[in-house]
């Protein structure tokens, strides 16, 4: 039976699901119509000036259109990614087609495409789940021990599966298997909440910020910084060196969630039998899996040493894909790999980068930033940093896609830095990295929304855990990461 037929059957037998689907469809239609009204209103009613050119106004109109589309799900994210450069070209925000589609020809976008295909290969072979289960199976049979294993497994799979939603999907059956061992009341209920919140939601995001290719928002942040300073200062190696102290946030997350939920010492009923059962089902590693693992390891080594050999990361990633499909080398099937590749997310990323480039070229980022700078209080770099981070978290609460949120914020934040007398690299990196820990609401990022959909915890319970944790992240960024960025050569108090 096809997916469409299954969906139709499910909705016909579950009235609530059918009503919800109809409600979402009506909301999407309303959002689609509103997006074009906003688009037309900005194009016709916003006056141009010396600081806001006609091209800048056009880029602003495309941003307004995209914002409403993303908030309302008026179009699939992939389609919106394709439409952004089309609108940039039609409105004159980008003078030439190659410029409008610049996000589709960028080095990092092909790096991500290669990584997505490699991740799909790992998913097809089951190597991603094998690694995750292997790590989790080595820990003590307590909630605290399993949580450590889950966080560690997320860190490893973040290297191999470069998309937070994909990692959430990898861990979903693992978490559901673990949850099945616990009762739905008392200590068991608390354990289920912790595993679901962290194992599917929090850890998916938090583990992806440390390496450039592990999270799509990282790519947008890096590209924005490089465009703002007119130099490729952020490479794969630079990003890793600047952001490895973010591992400390995972430690805070572990202790905070266990303290709030009082779950650290809860015993796992029957030990780790469920994890071991899932692991046994996979059997022994095949030759193909070993080859995939070695190829990915070599690719990561070449990414980290790009400054030595000079080969671009995108070329390395795509070459690794080619090697894995050499006839007779592995038993991989392209049709299966293709079906697991998240091309839609890649199209959204490309469209987002095209919009970021248009903002920078038309100067609309500086125009918006100049209007926002006046809102920032004169509290010094510490006070300003905390204030902007809090405002950013409030402003993006309704945007589920982290990529979409960072796309809208990145060029503006980068443009604000010199106006505030702050370092562009440090300020932009710090503020936008915070957005990857947007855990105030369960609907703020897709991975947390997936976790919320399991109905293991309530909306209020998530806010109780997530909102204070987000505040801790902001303070960690300001008092730990900013001093570290200064050590790496980018003191926030020294404008570039």
Protein backbone atom coordinates (compact mmCIF):
# COMPACT_ATOMS: atom_id res chain seq x y z
CA UNK A 1 0.00 0.00 0.00
CA UNK A 2 1.32 3.48 -0.86
CA UNK A 3 2.09 6.16 1.73
CA UNK A 4 -0.79 8.25 0.41
CA UNK A 5 -3.21 5.35 0.77
CA UNK A 6 -2.01 4.61 4.29
CA UNK A 7 -2.40 8.24 5.26
CA UNK A 8 -5.90 8.34 3.81
CA UNK A 9 -6.86 5.17 5.66
CA UNK A 10 -5.45 6.46 8.94
CA UNK A 11 -7.26 9.79 8.67
CA UNK A 12 -10.55 8.12 7.80
CA UNK A 13 -10.41 5.96 10.92
CA UNK A 14 -9.14 8.63 13.32
CA UNK A 15 -11.50 11.64 13.38
CA UNK A 16 -9.15 13.77 15.49
CA UNK A 17 -6.26 13.22 13.08
CA UNK A 18 -8.48 14.10 10.11
CA UNK A 19 -9.71 17.28 11.82
CA UNK A 20 -6.13 18.25 12.69
CA UNK A 21 -5.00 17.71 9.10
CA UNK A 22 -7.88 19.83 7.78
CA UNK A 23 -7.06 22.56 10.28
CA UNK A 24 -3.41 22.59 9.28
CA UNK A 25 -4.38 22.70 5.60
CA UNK A 26 -6.62 25.73 6.15
CA UNK A 27 -3.86 27.45 8.11
CA UNK A 28 -1.38 26.74 5.30
CA UNK A 29 -3.74 28.17 2.68
CA UNK A 30 -4.26 31.30 4.75
CA UNK A 31 -0.51 31.61 5.24
CA UNK A 32 0.16 31.17 1.53
CA UNK A 33 -2.27 33.99 0.66
CA UNK A 34 -0.94 36.23 3.43
CA UNK A 35 2.66 35.71 2.28
CA UNK A 36 1.87 37.22 -1.11
CA UNK A 37 -0.02 40.11 0.47
CA UNK A 38 3.02 40.86 2.64
CA UNK A 39 5.27 40.51 -0.39
CA UNK A 40 3.17 42.96 -2.44
CA UNK A 41 2.78 45.41 0.46
CA UNK A 42 6.55 45.69 1.01
CA UNK A 43 7.23 46.11 -2.72
CA UNK A 44 4.62 48.86 -3.15
CA UNK A 45 4.42 50.63 0.20
CA UNK A 46 7.93 50.66 1.71
CA UNK A 47 9.72 53.78 0.43
CA UNK A 48 13.25 53.59 -0.89
CA UNK A 49 16.02 55.83 0.37
CA UNK A 50 19.76 56.24 0.17
CA UNK A 51 20.21 53.38 2.64
CA UNK A 52 17.36 51.21 1.29
CA UNK A 53 17.68 50.80 -2.47
CA UNK A 54 15.06 49.29 -4.76
CA UNK A 55 17.08 46.07 -4.75
CA UNK A 56 17.18 46.12 -0.97
CA UNK A 57 13.43 46.61 -0.79
CA UNK A 58 12.97 43.67 -3.14
CA UNK A 59 15.16 41.48 -0.93
CA UNK A 60 13.14 42.66 2.09
CA UNK A 61 9.93 41.66 0.32
CA UNK A 62 11.32 38.18 -0.37
CA UNK A 63 12.28 37.91 3.30
CA UNK A 64 8.75 38.93 4.33
CA UNK A 65 7.29 36.33 1.97
CA UNK A 66 9.60 33.60 3.28
CA UNK A 67 8.92 34.48 6.92
CA UNK A 68 5.15 34.07 6.55
CA UNK A 69 5.59 30.88 4.51
CA UNK A 70 7.84 29.37 7.17
CA UNK A 71 5.59 30.42 10.04
CA UNK A 72 2.45 29.03 8.42
CA UNK A 73 3.89 26.07 6.47
CA UNK A 74 2.28 27.69 3.44
CA UNK A 75 4.60 25.70 1.19
CA UNK A 76 6.89 22.71 1.77
CA UNK A 77 10.27 23.97 2.98
CA UNK A 78 11.98 22.52 -0.09
CA UNK A 79 9.68 24.45 -2.42
CA UNK A 80 10.23 27.67 -0.48
CA UNK A 81 13.98 27.12 -0.88
CA UNK A 82 13.54 26.91 -4.65
CA UNK A 83 11.23 29.92 -4.78
CA UNK A 84 13.56 32.30 -2.92
CA UNK A 85 16.08 32.69 -5.79
CA UNK A 86 13.22 32.82 -8.30
CA UNK A 87 11.68 35.77 -6.45
CA UNK A 88 15.08 37.41 -5.97
CA UNK A 89 15.55 37.30 -9.74
CA UNK A 90 12.02 38.41 -10.68
CA UNK A 91 12.04 41.38 -8.29
CA UNK A 92 15.50 42.60 -9.24
CA UNK A 93 17.00 41.93 -5.81
CA UNK A 94 19.61 39.94 -7.72
CA UNK A 95 20.51 41.31 -11.13
CA UNK A 96 21.53 38.03 -12.76
CA UNK A 97 20.29 34.45 -12.45
CA UNK A 98 23.66 33.03 -11.29
CA UNK A 99 23.70 35.63 -8.52
CA UNK A 100 20.12 34.79 -7.48
CA UNK A 101 21.01 31.09 -7.28
CA UNK A 102 24.40 31.67 -5.62
CA UNK A 103 23.39 29.50 -2.67
CA UNK A 104 23.07 26.52 -5.01
CA UNK A 105 26.65 26.82 -6.28
CA UNK A 106 28.43 27.48 -3.01
CA UNK A 107 31.23 25.18 -1.84
CA UNK A 108 29.55 24.46 1.49
CA UNK A 109 26.23 23.52 -0.10
CA UNK A 110 27.90 20.73 -2.04
CA UNK A 111 29.72 19.69 1.13
CA UNK A 112 26.32 19.32 2.78
CA UNK A 113 24.87 17.51 -0.24
CA UNK A 114 27.74 15.01 -0.07
CA UNK A 115 27.22 14.64 3.68
CA UNK A 116 23.49 14.06 3.22
CA UNK A 117 24.18 11.28 0.73
CA UNK A 118 26.79 9.76 3.05
CA UNK A 119 24.29 9.96 5.92
CA UNK A 120 21.67 8.25 3.74
CA UNK A 121 24.21 5.51 3.01
CA UNK A 122 24.73 5.01 6.74
CA UNK A 123 20.99 4.89 7.29
CA UNK A 124 20.53 2.39 4.45
CA UNK A 125 23.18 0.07 5.88
CA UNK A 126 21.97 0.57 9.48
CA UNK A 127 25.43 1.75 10.51
CA UNK A 128 24.07 4.84 12.27
CA UNK A 129 21.82 2.79 14.59
CA UNK A 130 24.58 0.22 15.11
CA UNK A 131 26.95 2.91 16.38
CA UNK A 132 24.29 4.53 18.59
CA UNK A 133 23.18 1.21 20.11
CA UNK A 134 26.78 0.09 20.58
CA UNK A 135 27.57 3.15 22.68
CA UNK A 136 24.36 3.05 24.74
CA UNK A 137 24.77 -0.66 25.48
CA UNK A 138 28.08 -0.02 27.32
CA UNK A 139 26.65 2.14 30.13
CA UNK A 140 25.24 1.37 33.57
CA UNK A 141 21.55 0.34 33.69
CA UNK A 142 20.37 3.56 35.36
CA UNK A 143 18.66 6.56 33.79
CA UNK A 144 21.76 8.67 34.44
CA UNK A 145 24.02 6.06 32.86
CA UNK A 146 21.81 5.57 29.82
CA UNK A 147 21.53 9.35 29.40
CA UNK A 148 25.32 9.59 29.28
CA UNK A 149 25.33 6.89 26.62
CA UNK A 150 22.66 8.67 24.58
CA UNK A 151 24.55 11.98 24.70
CA UNK A 152 27.78 10.24 23.72
CA UNK A 153 26.02 8.43 20.89
CA UNK A 154 24.60 11.74 19.65
CA UNK A 155 28.10 13.25 19.59
CA UNK A 156 29.40 10.39 17.47
CA UNK A 157 26.43 10.32 15.10
CA UNK A 158 26.65 14.12 14.73
CA UNK A 159 29.95 13.51 12.97
CA UNK A 160 28.35 10.96 10.65
CA UNK A 161 24.74 12.17 10.25
CA UNK A 162 24.80 15.90 9.44
CA UNK A 163 21.17 16.84 10.14
CA UNK A 164 19.41 17.23 13.48
CA UNK A 165 16.07 15.89 12.23
CA UNK A 166 17.78 12.84 10.76
CA UNK A 167 19.53 12.19 14.07
CA UNK A 168 16.22 12.51 15.87
CA UNK A 169 14.80 9.90 13.49
CA UNK A 170 17.76 7.58 14.17
CA UNK A 171 17.21 7.75 17.92
CA UNK A 172 13.41 7.63 17.88
CA UNK A 173 13.13 3.79 17.75
CA UNK A 174 15.95 3.45 20.29
CA UNK A 175 14.18 5.78 22.73
CA UNK A 176 10.83 4.09 22.16
CA UNK A 177 12.45 0.73 22.92
CA UNK A 178 13.95 2.07 26.13
CA UNK A 179 10.68 3.68 27.17
CA UNK A 180 8.86 0.37 26.74
CA UNK A 181 10.86 -0.98 29.71
CA UNK A 182 9.34 1.58 32.10
CA UNK A 183 5.90 2.02 33.60
CA UNK A 184 3.91 5.11 32.62
CA UNK A 185 3.59 6.24 36.24
CA UNK A 186 5.93 7.26 39.04
CA UNK A 187 9.65 6.83 38.44
CA UNK A 188 8.99 5.14 35.11
CA UNK A 189 7.13 8.19 33.80
CA UNK A 190 10.00 10.49 34.80
CA UNK A 191 12.51 8.23 33.06
CA UNK A 192 10.43 8.21 29.86
CA UNK A 193 10.21 12.01 29.88
CA UNK A 194 13.97 12.39 30.32
CA UNK A 195 14.88 9.92 27.58
CA UNK A 196 12.43 11.50 25.13
CA UNK A 197 13.31 15.14 25.81
CA UNK A 198 17.06 14.60 25.70
CA UNK A 199 17.42 11.55 23.45
CA UNK A 200 15.31 12.91 20.60
CA UNK A 201 15.21 16.67 21.20
CA UNK A 202 17.92 18.40 23.23
CA UNK A 203 20.87 16.19 22.32
CA UNK A 204 20.07 16.23 18.59
CA UNK A 205 20.59 20.00 18.52
CA UNK A 206 23.27 20.36 21.18
CA UNK A 207 25.57 17.76 19.64
CA UNK A 208 25.42 19.33 16.20
CA UNK A 209 26.86 22.77 16.91
CA UNK A 210 30.44 21.66 17.51
CA UNK A 211 31.34 20.59 13.94
CA UNK A 212 30.57 22.72 10.89
CA UNK A 213 28.94 19.99 8.80
CA UNK A 214 26.81 18.54 11.61
CA UNK A 215 24.09 21.19 11.60
CA UNK A 216 22.70 23.22 8.69
CA UNK A 217 22.55 26.42 10.73
CA UNK A 218 26.32 26.21 11.23
CA UNK A 219 26.83 26.46 7.48
CA UNK A 220 24.66 29.60 7.26
CA UNK A 221 26.48 31.19 10.21
CA UNK A 222 29.91 30.43 8.71
CA UNK A 223 28.91 31.73 5.28
CA UNK A 224 27.42 34.90 6.79
CA UNK A 225 30.58 35.63 8.77
CA UNK A 226 32.84 35.02 5.77
CA UNK A 227 30.73 37.34 3.62
CA UNK A 228 30.62 40.02 6.32
CA UNK A 229 34.40 40.15 6.79
CA UNK A 230 35.15 39.55 3.07
CA UNK A 231 37.44 36.63 3.90
CA UNK A 232 37.10 32.88 4.47
CA UNK A 233 38.01 33.05 8.16
CA UNK A 234 35.65 30.20 9.15
CA UNK A 235 36.67 26.80 7.79
CA UNK A 236 35.83 23.31 9.04
CA UNK A 237 38.90 23.29 11.27
CA UNK A 238 38.39 26.86 12.51
CA UNK A 239 34.79 26.12 13.46
CA UNK A 240 35.78 23.00 15.41
CA UNK A 241 38.58 24.84 17.24
CA UNK A 242 36.37 27.79 18.16
CA UNK A 243 33.40 25.72 19.31
CA UNK A 244 34.73 22.59 21.05
CA UNK A 245 34.12 24.16 24.52
CA UNK A 246 30.40 23.85 23.73
CA UNK A 247 30.82 20.30 25.02
CA UNK A 248 30.36 21.89 28.43
CA UNK A 249 26.73 22.62 27.58
CA UNK A 250 26.11 18.89 27.24
CA UNK A 251 27.41 18.43 30.79
CA UNK A 252 25.10 21.17 32.06
CA UNK A 253 22.21 19.58 30.18
CA UNK A 254 22.87 16.19 31.77
CA UNK A 255 22.92 17.47 35.34
CA UNK A 256 20.09 19.99 34.88
CA UNK A 257 17.59 17.55 33.36
CA UNK A 258 18.37 14.86 35.92
CA UNK A 259 18.06 17.36 38.78
CA UNK A 260 14.74 18.78 37.62
CA UNK A 261 13.24 15.38 36.86
CA UNK A 262 14.93 13.60 39.81
CA UNK A 263 15.82 10.73 37.51
CA UNK A 264 19.58 10.07 37.70
CA UNK A 265 19.49 6.98 39.92
CA UNK A 266 16.32 5.35 38.59
CA UNK A 267 17.11 1.74 37.69
CA UNK A 268 16.36 0.39 34.22
CA UNK A 269 13.97 -2.58 34.69
CA UNK A 270 15.61 -5.75 33.42
CA UNK A 271 18.91 -4.00 32.75
CA UNK A 272 19.70 -3.09 29.14
CA UNK A 273 17.91 -6.02 27.55
CA UNK A 274 15.95 -3.92 25.07
CA UNK A 275 19.04 -2.11 23.81
CA UNK A 276 20.88 -5.42 23.52
CA UNK A 277 17.92 -6.96 21.68
CA UNK A 278 17.88 -4.14 19.13
CA UNK A 279 21.63 -4.44 18.74
CA UNK A 280 21.48 -8.22 18.23
CA UNK A 281 18.89 -7.77 15.50
CA UNK A 282 21.47 -5.91 13.42
CA UNK A 283 23.86 -8.89 13.39
CA UNK A 284 27.57 -8.54 12.63
CA UNK A 285 29.02 -5.65 10.65
CA UNK A 286 29.16 -6.32 6.92
CA UNK A 287 32.05 -5.57 4.58
CA UNK A 288 30.03 -2.70 3.10
CA UNK A 289 29.55 -1.13 6.53
CA UNK A 290 33.28 -1.29 7.23
CA UNK A 291 34.04 0.35 3.88
CA UNK A 292 31.47 3.11 4.54
CA UNK A 293 32.93 3.77 7.98
CA UNK A 294 36.50 3.94 6.64
CA UNK A 295 35.52 6.25 3.77
CA UNK A 296 33.74 8.63 6.13
CA UNK A 297 36.72 8.59 8.50
CA UNK A 298 39.12 9.47 5.68
CA UNK A 299 36.78 12.27 4.53
CA UNK A 300 36.68 13.79 8.02
CA UNK A 301 40.48 13.63 8.24
CA UNK A 302 40.79 15.45 4.90
CA UNK A 303 38.25 18.09 6.00
CA UNK A 304 40.25 18.78 9.14
CA UNK A 305 43.50 19.13 7.17
CA UNK A 306 42.16 21.23 4.27
CA UNK A 307 44.69 24.01 4.91
CA UNK A 308 47.52 21.50 4.39
CA UNK A 309 46.45 19.76 1.16
CA UNK A 310 44.18 22.48 -0.28
CA UNK A 311 41.33 20.22 -1.45
CA UNK A 312 37.92 21.78 -0.79
CA UNK A 313 35.59 19.95 1.60
CA UNK A 314 32.88 19.64 -1.05
CA UNK A 315 35.22 17.83 -3.43
CA UNK A 316 36.26 15.42 -0.70
CA UNK A 317 32.65 14.64 0.25
CA UNK A 318 31.54 14.02 -3.33
CA UNK A 319 34.61 11.92 -4.08
CA UNK A 320 33.80 9.77 -1.04
CA UNK A 321 30.29 9.23 -2.44
CA UNK A 322 31.73 8.19 -5.80
CA UNK A 323 34.16 5.74 -4.21
CA UNK A 324 31.33 4.00 -2.34
CA UNK A 325 29.47 3.38 -5.60
CA UNK A 326 32.38 1.94 -7.59
CA UNK A 327 30.94 -1.22 -9.19
CA UNK A 328 31.71 -4.30 -7.11
CA UNK A 329 33.24 -2.30 -4.23
CA UNK A 330 30.09 -2.33 -2.06
CA UNK A 331 26.56 -3.69 -2.33
CA UNK A 332 24.91 -0.26 -2.01
CA UNK A 333 21.73 0.40 -4.00
CA UNK A 334 21.37 3.97 -5.24
CA UNK A 335 17.56 3.90 -5.28
CA UNK A 336 17.47 3.05 -1.57
CA UNK A 337 20.11 5.66 -0.77
CA UNK A 338 18.27 8.24 -2.84
CA UNK A 339 15.02 7.64 -0.96
CA UNK A 340 16.80 8.30 2.36
CA UNK A 341 18.61 11.45 1.21
CA UNK A 342 16.98 14.62 2.57
CA UNK A 343 17.11 16.62 -0.65
CA UNK A 344 14.32 18.88 0.61
CA UNK A 345 16.44 20.16 3.49
CA UNK A 346 19.30 20.72 1.07
CA UNK A 347 17.06 22.84 -1.20
CA UNK A 348 15.97 24.89 1.82
CA UNK A 349 19.60 25.44 2.77
CA UNK A 350 20.53 26.56 -0.76
CA UNK A 351 17.62 28.99 -0.94
CA UNK A 352 18.47 30.32 2.51
CA UNK A 353 22.08 31.01 1.52
CA UNK A 354 20.85 32.79 -1.62
CA UNK A 355 18.72 35.07 0.56
CA UNK A 356 21.64 35.73 2.93
CA UNK A 357 23.82 36.72 -0.04
CA UNK A 358 21.10 39.01 -1.42
CA UNK A 359 20.81 40.74 1.96
CA UNK A 360 24.54 41.40 2.01
CA UNK A 361 24.80 42.58 -1.60
CA UNK A 362 21.78 44.93 -1.47
CA UNK A 363 22.68 46.33 1.97
CA UNK A 364 19.26 45.56 3.46
CA UNK A 365 20.99 43.77 6.35
CA UNK A 366 22.68 47.01 7.37
CA UNK A 367 19.42 48.94 6.91
CA UNK A 368 17.53 46.66 9.31
CA UNK A 369 20.47 46.50 11.71
CA UNK A 370 20.71 50.30 11.89
CA UNK A 371 17.08 50.44 13.06
CA UNK A 372 17.62 47.72 15.68
CA UNK A 373 20.89 49.01 17.12
CA UNK A 374 19.08 51.83 18.87
CA UNK A 375 17.14 49.29 20.94
CA UNK A 376 20.31 47.81 22.44
CA UNK A 377 21.06 49.26 25.89
CA UNK A 378 24.43 50.83 26.71
CA UNK A 379 25.44 48.04 29.09
CA UNK A 380 28.82 47.16 27.67
CA UNK A 381 29.56 44.04 25.63
CA UNK A 382 28.31 41.67 28.35
CA UNK A 383 24.96 43.38 28.79
CA UNK A 384 24.43 43.91 25.07
CA UNK A 385 25.27 40.28 24.30
CA UNK A 386 22.79 38.93 26.86
CA UNK A 387 20.10 41.39 25.73
CA UNK A 388 20.43 40.53 22.03
CA UNK A 389 20.44 36.78 22.75
CA UNK A 390 17.23 37.06 24.77
CA UNK A 391 15.54 39.21 22.10
CA UNK A 392 16.55 36.72 19.41
CA UNK A 393 15.07 33.84 21.40
CA UNK A 394 11.79 35.72 21.82
CA UNK A 395 11.64 36.78 18.17
CA UNK A 396 12.00 33.26 16.75
CA UNK A 397 9.60 31.35 19.01
CA UNK A 398 7.07 30.76 16.25
CA UNK A 399 9.57 29.52 13.64
CA UNK A 400 9.93 25.74 13.89
CA UNK A 401 12.80 25.44 11.40
CA UNK A 402 16.14 26.36 12.94
CA UNK A 403 17.56 26.86 9.43
CA UNK A 404 14.78 29.30 8.58
CA UNK A 405 15.26 31.24 11.82
CA UNK A 406 19.02 31.56 11.36
CA UNK A 407 18.54 32.57 7.71
CA UNK A 408 16.41 35.53 8.76
CA UNK A 409 18.65 36.54 11.66
CA UNK A 410 22.18 35.90 10.38
CA UNK A 411 22.75 38.87 8.04
CA UNK A 412 21.13 41.28 10.49
CA UNK A 413 23.19 40.11 13.47
CA UNK A 414 26.41 40.27 11.44
CA UNK A 415 25.58 43.81 10.32
CA UNK A 416 24.77 44.91 13.89
CA UNK A 417 28.19 43.92 15.26
CA UNK A 418 30.28 46.83 13.90
CA UNK A 419 27.45 49.28 14.64
CA UNK A 420 27.58 48.18 18.28
CA UNK A 421 31.39 48.41 18.28
CA UNK A 422 31.73 44.63 18.63
CA UNK A 423 33.77 41.97 16.82
CA UNK A 424 31.80 40.59 13.86
CA UNK A 425 33.09 37.02 14.12
CA UNK A 426 32.67 36.61 17.89
CA UNK A 427 29.31 38.42 18.16
CA UNK A 428 27.71 36.68 15.17
CA UNK A 429 28.98 33.25 16.18
CA UNK A 430 27.81 33.65 19.77
CA UNK A 431 24.31 35.02 19.10
CA UNK A 432 23.46 32.62 16.30
CA UNK A 433 24.88 29.57 18.07
CA UNK A 434 22.46 30.28 20.90
CA UNK A 435 19.63 29.81 18.42
CA UNK A 436 20.61 26.16 18.06
CA UNK A 437 19.64 25.73 21.72
CA UNK A 438 16.16 27.22 21.32
CA UNK A 439 14.47 25.00 23.89
CA UNK A 440 12.02 27.51 25.35
CA UNK A 441 9.04 25.80 23.71
CA UNK A 442 8.71 22.27 22.29
CA UNK A 443 7.55 23.80 18.99
CA UNK A 444 10.65 25.98 18.58
CA UNK A 445 12.75 23.38 16.73
CA UNK A 446 11.72 20.36 14.68
CA UNK A 447 13.63 17.76 16.71
CA UNK A 448 11.88 18.86 19.92
CA UNK A 449 8.56 18.87 18.07
CA UNK A 450 9.19 15.23 17.10
CA UNK A 451 9.89 14.44 20.75
CA UNK A 452 6.76 16.31 21.84
CA UNK A 453 4.74 14.29 19.33
CA UNK A 454 5.45 11.10 21.28
CA UNK A 455 3.20 12.50 24.05
CA UNK A 456 5.62 11.33 26.75
CA UNK A 457 5.69 14.80 28.33
CA UNK A 458 3.41 17.83 28.45
CA UNK A 459 3.97 21.29 27.00
CA UNK A 460 4.39 22.74 30.51
CA UNK A 461 6.92 20.06 31.50
CA UNK A 462 9.05 20.87 28.48
CA UNK A 463 8.99 24.60 29.27
CA UNK A 464 9.91 23.85 32.89
CA UNK A 465 13.05 22.06 31.72
CA UNK A 466 13.84 23.82 28.44
CA UNK A 467 13.33 27.53 29.19
CA UNK A 468 15.79 27.71 32.14
CA UNK A 469 18.24 25.56 30.19
CA UNK A 470 18.14 28.04 27.29
CA UNK A 471 18.92 30.85 29.72
CA UNK A 472 21.87 28.82 31.04
CA UNK A 473 23.10 28.44 27.47
CA UNK A 474 22.96 32.21 26.95
CA UNK A 475 25.01 32.81 30.10
CA UNK A 476 27.46 30.07 29.09
CA UNK A 477 27.92 31.68 25.68
CA UNK A 478 28.61 35.09 27.19
CA UNK A 479 30.84 34.10 30.12
CA UNK A 480 32.60 31.04 28.69
CA UNK A 481 32.48 31.10 24.89
CA UNK A 482 33.14 34.82 24.34
CA UNK A 483 36.35 34.74 26.43
CA UNK A 484 37.35 31.60 24.52
CA UNK A 485 36.72 33.34 21.19
CA UNK A 486 39.06 36.07 22.42
CA UNK A 487 41.74 33.41 23.02
CA UNK A 488 41.23 32.13 19.44
CA UNK A 489 41.87 35.62 18.08
CA UNK A 490 38.41 37.22 18.03
CA UNK A 491 37.83 39.32 21.16
CA UNK A 492 34.27 40.62 21.09
CA UNK A 493 35.36 44.02 22.43
CA UNK A 494 37.64 44.61 19.41
CA UNK A 495 35.67 45.59 16.24
CA UNK A 496 37.02 44.28 12.93
